[in-house]
C-alpha atoms as a PDB file:
ATOM      1  CA  MET A   1      89.711  92.229 101.189  1.00  0.00           C
ATOM      2  CA  ILE A   2      92.033  89.204 101.079  1.00  0.00           C
ATOM      3  CA  THR A   3      90.757  86.285 103.145  1.00  0.00           C
ATOM      4  CA  VAL A   4      93.305  84.026 104.851  1.00  0.00           C
ATOM      5  CA  LEU A   5      93.070  80.563 106.401  1.00  0.00           C
ATOM      6  CA  ILE A   6      95.802  79.817 108.971  1.00  0.00           C
ATOM      7  CA  VAL A   7      96.881  76.185 109.310  1.00  0.00           C
ATOM      8  CA  ASP A   8      99.283  75.266 112.130  1.00  0.00           C
ATOM      9  CA  ASP A   9      99.215  72.682 114.919  1.00  0.00           C
ATOM     10  CA  GLN A  10     100.380  75.183 117.561  1.00  0.00           C
ATOM     11  CA  ASP A  11      97.733  77.393 119.127  1.00  0.00           C
ATOM     12  CA  LEU A  12     100.178  80.173 119.987  1.00  0.00           C
ATOM     13  CA  VAL A  13     101.495  80.311 116.439  1.00  0.00           C
ATOM     14  CA  ARG A  14      97.977  80.577 115.011  1.00  0.00           C
ATOM     15  CA  GLU A  15      97.082  83.290 117.499  1.00  0.00           C
ATOM     16  CA  GLY A  16     100.232  85.249 116.711  1.00  0.00           C
ATOM     17  CA  LEU A  17      99.694  85.008 112.949  1.00  0.00           C
ATOM     18  CA  ARG A  18      96.045  86.038 113.314  1.00  0.00           C
ATOM     19  CA  MET A  19      97.006  89.073 115.383  1.00  0.00           C
ATOM     20  CA  LEU A  20      99.615  90.179 112.837  1.00  0.00           C
ATOM     21  CA  LEU A  21      97.381  89.701 109.802  1.00  0.00           C
ATOM     22  CA  ASP A  22      94.210  91.137 111.305  1.00  0.00           C
ATOM     23  CA  ALA A  23      96.145  94.344 112.014  1.00  0.00           C
ATOM     24  CA  GLU A  24      96.410  94.867 108.231  1.00  0.00           C
ATOM     25  CA  PRO A  25      93.420  96.767 106.776  1.00  0.00           C
ATOM     26  CA  ASP A  26      93.218  94.646 103.610  1.00  0.00           C
ATOM     27  CA  LEU A  27      93.686  91.215 105.219  1.00  0.00           C
ATOM     28  CA  ASP A  28      91.059  89.154 107.024  1.00  0.00           C
ATOM     29  CA  VAL A  29      91.716  85.850 108.809  1.00  0.00           C
ATOM     30  CA  CYS A  30      88.557  83.911 108.014  1.00  0.00           C
ATOM     31  CA  GLY A  31      89.459  80.703 109.838  1.00  0.00           C
ATOM     32  CA  GLU A  32      92.013  78.421 111.444  1.00  0.00           C
ATOM     33  CA  ALA A  33      92.928  74.729 111.259  1.00  0.00           C
ATOM     34  CA  ALA A  34      95.229  72.585 113.394  1.00  0.00           C
ATOM     35  CA  ASP A  35      96.260  70.022 110.753  1.00  0.00           C
ATOM     36  CA  GLY A  36      95.958  69.169 107.096  1.00  0.00           C
ATOM     37  CA  SER A  37      92.681  67.313 107.449  1.00  0.00           C
ATOM     38  CA  GLN A  38      91.035  70.304 109.080  1.00  0.00           C
ATOM     39  CA  ALA A  39      92.586  72.532 106.431  1.00  0.00           C
ATOM     40  CA  LEU A  40      90.849  70.595 103.639  1.00  0.00           C
ATOM     41  CA  ALA A  41      87.497  70.906 105.381  1.00  0.00           C
ATOM     42  CA  GLN A  42      87.948  74.595 106.191  1.00  0.00           C
ATOM     43  CA  ALA A  43      89.126  75.389 102.676  1.00  0.00           C
ATOM     44  CA  ARG A  44      85.980  73.830 101.218  1.00  0.00           C
ATOM     45  CA  LEU A  45      83.789  75.683 103.717  1.00  0.00           C
ATOM     46  CA  LEU A  46      85.448  79.107 103.691  1.00  0.00           C
ATOM     47  CA  ASP A  47      86.954  79.310 100.170  1.00  0.00           C
ATOM     48  CA  PRO A  48      89.876  81.544 101.304  1.00  0.00           C
ATOM     49  CA  ASP A  49      92.048  83.522  98.934  1.00  0.00           C
ATOM     50  CA  VAL A  50      95.257  82.426 100.666  1.00  0.00           C
ATOM     51  CA  ILE A  51      96.139  79.518 102.962  1.00  0.00           C
ATOM     52  CA  LEU A  52      99.091  79.912 105.335  1.00  0.00           C
ATOM     53  CA  MET A  53     100.110  76.249 105.624  1.00  0.00           C
ATOM     54  CA  ASP A  54     102.530  74.820 108.167  1.00  0.00           C
ATOM     55  CA  VAL A  55     104.796  72.084 106.783  1.00  0.00           C
ATOM     56  CA  ARG A  56     104.997  69.660 109.701  1.00  0.00           C
ATOM     57  CA  MET A  57     101.713  68.757 111.417  1.00  0.00           C
ATOM     58  CA  PRO A  58     100.153  65.605 112.908  1.00  0.00           C
ATOM     59  CA  ARG A  59      97.517  63.499 111.116  1.00  0.00           C
ATOM     60  CA  MET A  60      98.084  65.156 107.731  1.00  0.00           C
ATOM     61  CA  ASN A  61     101.098  67.364 107.019  1.00  0.00           C
ATOM     62  CA  GLY A  62     101.170  70.480 104.901  1.00  0.00           C
ATOM     63  CA  ILE A  63     102.588  68.779 101.821  1.00  0.00           C
ATOM     64  CA  GLU A  64      99.827  66.196 101.660  1.00  0.00           C
ATOM     65  CA  ALA A  65      97.189  68.865 102.264  1.00  0.00           C
ATOM     66  CA  THR A  66      98.682  71.050  99.531  1.00  0.00           C
ATOM     67  CA  THR A  67      98.698  68.135  97.100  1.00  0.00           C
ATOM     68  CA  ARG A  68      95.059  67.304  97.829  1.00  0.00           C
ATOM     69  CA  LEU A  69      93.953  70.924  97.513  1.00  0.00           C
ATOM     70  CA  ALA A  70      95.679  71.211  94.135  1.00  0.00           C
ATOM     71  CA  GLN A  71      94.126  67.948  92.948  1.00  0.00           C
ATOM     72  CA  ALA A  72      90.701  69.172  94.047  1.00  0.00           C
ATOM     73  CA  GLY A  73      91.127  72.333  91.974  1.00  0.00           C
ATOM     74  CA  SER A  74      91.137  74.702  94.945  1.00  0.00           C
ATOM     75  CA  ARG A  75      91.556  78.329  93.907  1.00  0.00           C
ATOM     76  CA  ALA A  76      93.338  79.169  97.172  1.00  0.00           C
ATOM     77  CA  ARG A  77      96.961  80.221  96.871  1.00  0.00           C
ATOM     78  CA  ILE A  78      99.092  78.321  99.366  1.00  0.00           C
ATOM     79  CA  LEU A  79     101.926  79.977 101.250  1.00  0.00           C
ATOM     80  CA  MET A  80     103.988  77.443 103.198  1.00  0.00           C
ATOM     81  CA  LEU A  81     105.324  78.234 106.670  1.00  0.00           C
ATOM     82  CA  THR A  82     108.324  76.488 108.229  1.00  0.00           C
ATOM     83  CA  THR A  83     110.733  76.963 111.115  1.00  0.00           C
ATOM     84  CA  PHE A  84     113.523  75.347 109.108  1.00  0.00           C
ATOM     85  CA  ASN A  85     115.622  77.275 106.637  1.00  0.00           C
ATOM     86  CA  LEU A  86     116.606  74.097 104.782  1.00  0.00           C
ATOM     87  CA  ASP A  87     113.637  71.758 104.628  1.00  0.00           C
ATOM     88  CA  GLU A  88     113.295  69.255 101.799  1.00  0.00           C
ATOM     89  CA  TYR A  89     109.581  69.061 102.492  1.00  0.00           C
ATOM     90  CA  VAL A  90     109.177  72.628 101.293  1.00  0.00           C
ATOM     91  CA  TYR A  91     110.536  71.705  97.872  1.00  0.00           C
ATOM     92  CA  ARG A  92     107.974  68.929  97.674  1.00  0.00           C
ATOM     93  CA  ALA A  93     105.251  71.413  98.603  1.00  0.00           C
ATOM     94  CA  LEU A  94     106.334  73.843  95.897  1.00  0.00           C
ATOM     95  CA  LYS A  95     106.211  71.056  93.363  1.00  0.00           C
ATOM     96  CA  ALA A  96     102.774  70.023  94.643  1.00  0.00           C
ATOM     97  CA  GLY A  97     101.355  73.453  93.865  1.00  0.00           C
ATOM     98  CA  ALA A  98     102.284  75.845  96.673  1.00  0.00           C
ATOM     99  CA  SER A  99     102.984  79.434  95.651  1.00  0.00           C
ATOM    100  CA  GLY A 100     106.015  79.878  97.878  1.00  0.00           C
ATOM    101  CA  PHE A 101     107.017  79.823 101.515  1.00  0.00           C
ATOM    102  CA  LEU A 102     108.132  81.917 104.436  1.00  0.00           C
ATOM    103  CA  LEU A 103     109.981  81.208 107.649  1.00  0.00           C
ATOM    104  CA  LYS A 104     107.874  81.572 110.773  1.00  0.00           C
ATOM    105  CA  ASP A 105     110.226  84.246 112.081  1.00  0.00           C
ATOM    106  CA  ALA A 106     109.510  86.504 109.089  1.00  0.00           C
ATOM    107  CA  ARG A 107     108.835  90.134 109.924  1.00  0.00           C
ATOM    108  CA  ARG A 108     105.270  91.430 109.910  1.00  0.00           C
ATOM    109  CA  ASP A 109     105.818  93.329 106.659  1.00  0.00           C
ATOM    110  CA  GLN A 110     107.269  90.205 105.003  1.00  0.00           C
ATOM    111  CA  LEU A 111     104.323  88.099 106.124  1.00  0.00           C
ATOM    112  CA  ALA A 112     101.704  90.600 104.986  1.00  0.00           C
ATOM    113  CA  GLY A 113     103.576  91.284 101.763  1.00  0.00           C
ATOM    114  CA  GLY A 114     103.846  87.571 101.050  1.00  0.00           C
ATOM    115  CA  VAL A 115     100.118  87.073 101.501  1.00  0.00           C
ATOM    116  CA  ARG A 116      99.361  89.990  99.186  1.00  0.00           C
ATOM    117  CA  ALA A 117     101.839  88.737  96.589  1.00  0.00           C
ATOM    118  CA  VAL A 118     100.460  85.221  96.329  1.00  0.00           C
ATOM    119  CA  ALA A 119      96.875  86.514  96.417  1.00  0.00           C
ATOM    120  CA  ALA A 120      97.747  88.613  93.358  1.00  0.00           C
ATOM    121  CA  GLY A 121      98.995  85.525  91.542  1.00  0.00           C
ATOM    122  CA  GLU A 122     102.686  86.147  92.175  1.00  0.00           C
ATOM    123  CA  THR A 123     105.142  83.854  93.911  1.00  0.00           C
ATOM    124  CA  LEU A 124     107.804  84.112  96.592  1.00  0.00           C
ATOM    125  CA  LEU A 125     110.864  83.173  94.572  1.00  0.00           C
ATOM    126  CA  ALA A 126     112.981  86.158  95.507  1.00  0.00           C
ATOM    127  CA  PRO A 127     114.189  85.088  98.986  1.00  0.00           C
ATOM    128  CA  ALA A 128     117.554  83.389  98.744  1.00  0.00           C
ATOM    129  CA  ILE A 129     116.309  80.474 100.811  1.00  0.00           C
ATOM    130  CA  THR A 130     113.706  79.564  98.204  1.00  0.00           C
ATOM    131  CA  ARG A 131     116.319  79.541  95.487  1.00  0.00           C
ATOM    132  CA  ARG A 132     118.620  77.459  97.686  1.00  0.00           C
ATOM    133  CA  LEU A 133     115.895  74.892  98.294  1.00  0.00           C
ATOM    134  CA  ILE A 134     115.237  74.525  94.599  1.00  0.00           C
ATOM    135  CA  GLU A 135     118.954  74.212  93.900  1.00  0.00           C
ATOM    136  CA  ASP A 136     119.560  71.666  96.655  1.00  0.00           C
ATOM    137  CA  PHE A 137     116.658  69.365  95.956  1.00  0.00           C
ATOM    138  CA  CYS A 138     116.143  69.447  92.183  1.00  0.00           C
ATOM    139  CA  ASN A 139     117.961  66.476  90.698  1.00  0.00           C
ATOM    140  CA  GLY A 140     117.502  67.345  87.054  1.00  0.00           C
ATOM    141  CA  PRO A 141     119.677  66.499  84.047  1.00  0.00           C
ATOM    142  CA  ALA A 142     123.393  67.232  84.116  1.00  0.00           C
ATOM    143  CA  PRO A 143     124.557  70.545  82.625  1.00  0.00           C
ATOM    144  CA  GLY A 144     124.784  70.288  78.855  1.00  0.00           C
ATOM    145  CA  THR A 145     121.776  68.011  78.483  1.00  0.00           C
ATOM    146  CA  PRO A 146     119.745  69.269  75.497  1.00  0.00           C
ATOM    147  CA  VAL A 147     116.354  70.764  76.261  1.00  0.00           C
ATOM    148  CA  ALA A 148     113.750  68.170  75.358  1.00  0.00           C
ATOM    149  CA  GLY A 149     110.105  67.291  75.827  1.00  0.00           C
ATOM    150  CA  ALA A 150     107.591  70.089  76.257  1.00  0.00           C
ATOM    151  CA  ALA A 151     110.412  72.596  76.733  1.00  0.00           C
ATOM    152  CA  GLY A 152     111.407  71.939  73.138  1.00  0.00           C
ATOM    153  CA  SER A 153     108.314  73.850  72.032  1.00  0.00           C
ATOM    154  CA  LEU A 154     109.515  77.044  73.701  1.00  0.00           C
ATOM    155  CA  THR A 155     111.019  79.797  71.592  1.00  0.00           C
ATOM    156  CA  GLU A 156     114.424  81.224  72.422  1.00  0.00           C
ATOM    157  CA  ARG A 157     112.746  84.280  73.943  1.00  0.00           C
ATOM    158  CA  GLU A 158     110.467  82.118  76.088  1.00  0.00           C
ATOM    159  CA  LEU A 159     113.447  80.076  77.288  1.00  0.00           C
ATOM    160  CA  GLY A 160     115.142  83.331  78.242  1.00  0.00           C
ATOM    161  CA  VAL A 161     112.102  84.288  80.302  1.00  0.00           C
ATOM    162  CA  VAL A 162     112.082  80.854  81.957  1.00  0.00           C
ATOM    163  CA  ARG A 163     115.710  81.287  83.010  1.00  0.00           C
ATOM    164  CA  LEU A 164     115.016  84.674  84.562  1.00  0.00           C
ATOM    165  CA  VAL A 165     111.926  83.385  86.368  1.00  0.00           C
ATOM    166  CA  ALA A 166     114.137  80.629  87.796  1.00  0.00           C
ATOM    167  CA  GLU A 167     116.518  83.324  89.059  1.00  0.00           C
ATOM    168  CA  GLY A 168     113.619  84.827  91.011  1.00  0.00           C
ATOM    169  CA  LEU A 169     113.211  88.005  88.954  1.00  0.00           C
ATOM    170  CA  SER A 170     109.870  89.838  88.962  1.00  0.00           C
ATOM    171  CA  ASN A 171     108.029  90.750  85.759  1.00  0.00           C
ATOM    172  CA  ALA A 172     109.396  94.287  85.984  1.00  0.00           C
ATOM    173  CA  GLU A 173     112.960  93.036  86.409  1.00  0.00           C
ATOM    174  CA  ILE A 174     112.594  90.596  83.513  1.00  0.00           C
ATOM    175  CA  ALA A 175     111.188  93.369  81.344  1.00  0.00           C
ATOM    176  CA  ALA A 176     114.172  95.599  82.153  1.00  0.00           C
ATOM    177  CA  ARG A 177     116.671  92.797  81.539  1.00  0.00           C
ATOM    178  CA  LEU A 178     115.178  91.864  78.149  1.00  0.00           C
ATOM    179  CA  TYR A 179     114.165  95.393  77.092  1.00  0.00           C
ATOM    180  CA  LEU A 180     110.493  94.428  76.911  1.00  0.00           C
ATOM    181  CA  SER A 181     107.301  95.836  78.378  1.00  0.00           C
ATOM    182  CA  GLU A 182     105.798  94.173  81.449  1.00  0.00           C
ATOM    183  CA  ALA A 183     102.712  93.344  79.375  1.00  0.00           C
ATOM    184  CA  THR A 184     104.895  91.465  76.892  1.00  0.00           C
ATOM    185  CA  VAL A 185     106.597  89.558  79.712  1.00  0.00           C
ATOM    186  CA  LYS A 186     103.198  88.577  81.114  1.00  0.00           C
ATOM    187  CA  SER A 187     102.166  87.325  77.691  1.00  0.00           C
ATOM    188  CA  HIS A 188     105.337  85.255  77.416  1.00  0.00           C
ATOM    189  CA  ILE A 189     104.755  83.738  80.859  1.00  0.00           C
ATOM    190  CA  ALA A 190     101.138  82.909  80.016  1.00  0.00           C
ATOM    191  CA  ARG A 191     102.279  81.074  76.876  1.00  0.00           C
ATOM    192  CA  ILE A 192     105.012  79.268  78.824  1.00  0.00           C
ATOM    193  CA  LEU A 193     102.510  78.056  81.414  1.00  0.00           C
ATOM    194  CA  THR A 194     100.210  76.795  78.663  1.00  0.00           C
ATOM    195  CA  LYS A 195     102.957  75.032  76.692  1.00  0.00           C
ATOM    196  CA  LEU A 196     104.458  73.341  79.745  1.00  0.00           C
ATOM    197  CA  GLY A 197     101.135  72.601  81.463  1.00  0.00           C
ATOM    198  CA  LEU A 198     102.200  74.394  84.629  1.00  0.00           C
ATOM    199  CA  ARG A 199     100.228  76.386  87.171  1.00  0.00           C
ATOM    200  CA  ASP A 200     102.455  79.301  88.152  1.00  0.00           C
ATOM    201  CA  ARG A 201     105.948  80.804  88.298  1.00  0.00           C
ATOM    202  CA  VAL A 202     107.125  78.533  91.115  1.00  0.00           C
ATOM    203  CA  GLN A 203     106.459  75.489  88.977  1.00  0.00           C
ATOM    204  CA  VAL A 204     108.218  77.175  86.055  1.00  0.00           C
ATOM    205  CA  ALA A 205     111.329  77.604  88.224  1.00  0.00           C
ATOM    206  CA  VAL A 206     111.215  74.016  89.440  1.00  0.00           C
ATOM    207  CA  TYR A 207     110.714  72.817  85.854  1.00  0.00           C
ATOM    208  CA  ALA A 208     113.703  74.847  84.696  1.00  0.00           C
ATOM    209  CA  TYR A 209     116.025  73.216  87.227  1.00  0.00           C
ATOM    210  CA  GLU A 210     114.631  69.712  86.750  1.00  0.00           C
ATOM    211  CA  HIS A 211     114.942  69.810  82.969  1.00  0.00           C
ATOM    212  CA  GLY A 212     118.391  71.322  82.753  1.00  0.00           C
ATOM    213  CA  ILE A 213     117.318  74.702  81.380  1.00  0.00           C
ATOM    214  CA  VAL A 214     119.286  76.156  84.279  1.00  0.00           C
ATOM    215  CA  ARG A 215     121.491  74.408  86.814  1.00  0.00           C
ATOM    216  CA  PRO A 216     122.892  75.645  90.146  1.00  0.00           C
ATOM    217  CA  GLY A 217     126.364  77.066  89.717  1.00  0.00           C
ATOM    218  CA  HIS A 218     126.459  76.381  85.976  1.00  0.00           C
ATOM    219  CA  GLY A 219     124.157  78.995  84.433  1.00  0.00           C
ATOM    220  CA  PRO A 220     121.833  78.259  81.540  1.00  0.00           C
ATOM    221  CA  ALA A 221     122.187  74.897  79.872  1.00  0.00           C
ATOM    222  CA  PRO A 222     122.903  74.737  76.135  1.00  0.00           C
ATOM    223  CA  LEU A 223     119.790  74.446  74.034  1.00  0.00           C
ATOM    224  CA  GLY A 224     120.954  71.697  71.744  1.00  0.00           C
ATOM    225  CA  ARG A 225     118.349  72.618  69.129  1.00  0.00           C
ATOM    226  CA  LYS A 226     117.551  75.184  66.515  1.00  0.00           C
ATOM    227  CA  THR A 227     116.832  78.647  67.863  1.00  0.00           C
ATOM    228  CA  GLY A 228     113.204  79.728  67.728  1.00  0.00           C
ATOM    229  CA  PRO A 229     111.859  83.198  66.965  1.00  0.00           C
END
């Protein structure tokens, strides 16, 4: 059973989300919170698997709450909710440690599927809106800037995986694209996370855009270094 904490300042929204999620046999809404401060307290008390976190709330917004939960080492996976399809605050939340986001008008199957995905350690990079947010709000190096810093420790194969993660491809899709097994792709991603000091695939995608490994409308950036194995 996947336990879910719903965080939103509107009673009707919380009630609607609870009704939709409780109708799923493998999902259980274990609690609710009306703002970020309550979310921190409820997360400590209930230890949910997934937190559905609204972006804009009084007292403490969803970005600040997400940041504090990540700093506290919370194991909960955070799925951001917003009514806006272009919201710079969502990018900040992704960078703070959220596992993805959904619009509040998402269908029931999208909502339930999103909760299951992040609970399983995956991320919601596939929706075009997520990719557009990353592209619009990542102000990384200009195309052609050599890969430097921690990214310089990545092999050519690992950089290829990073690029495909940034495109929003799943492990299965990456495996098919690179003619690898899914187990091998998972191993590559685990090494990438360790080398770059990142938490999950969302942060890998953000890192890729910020550091010029990929850039919107330009494709992969040149490596500017010797090719690894």
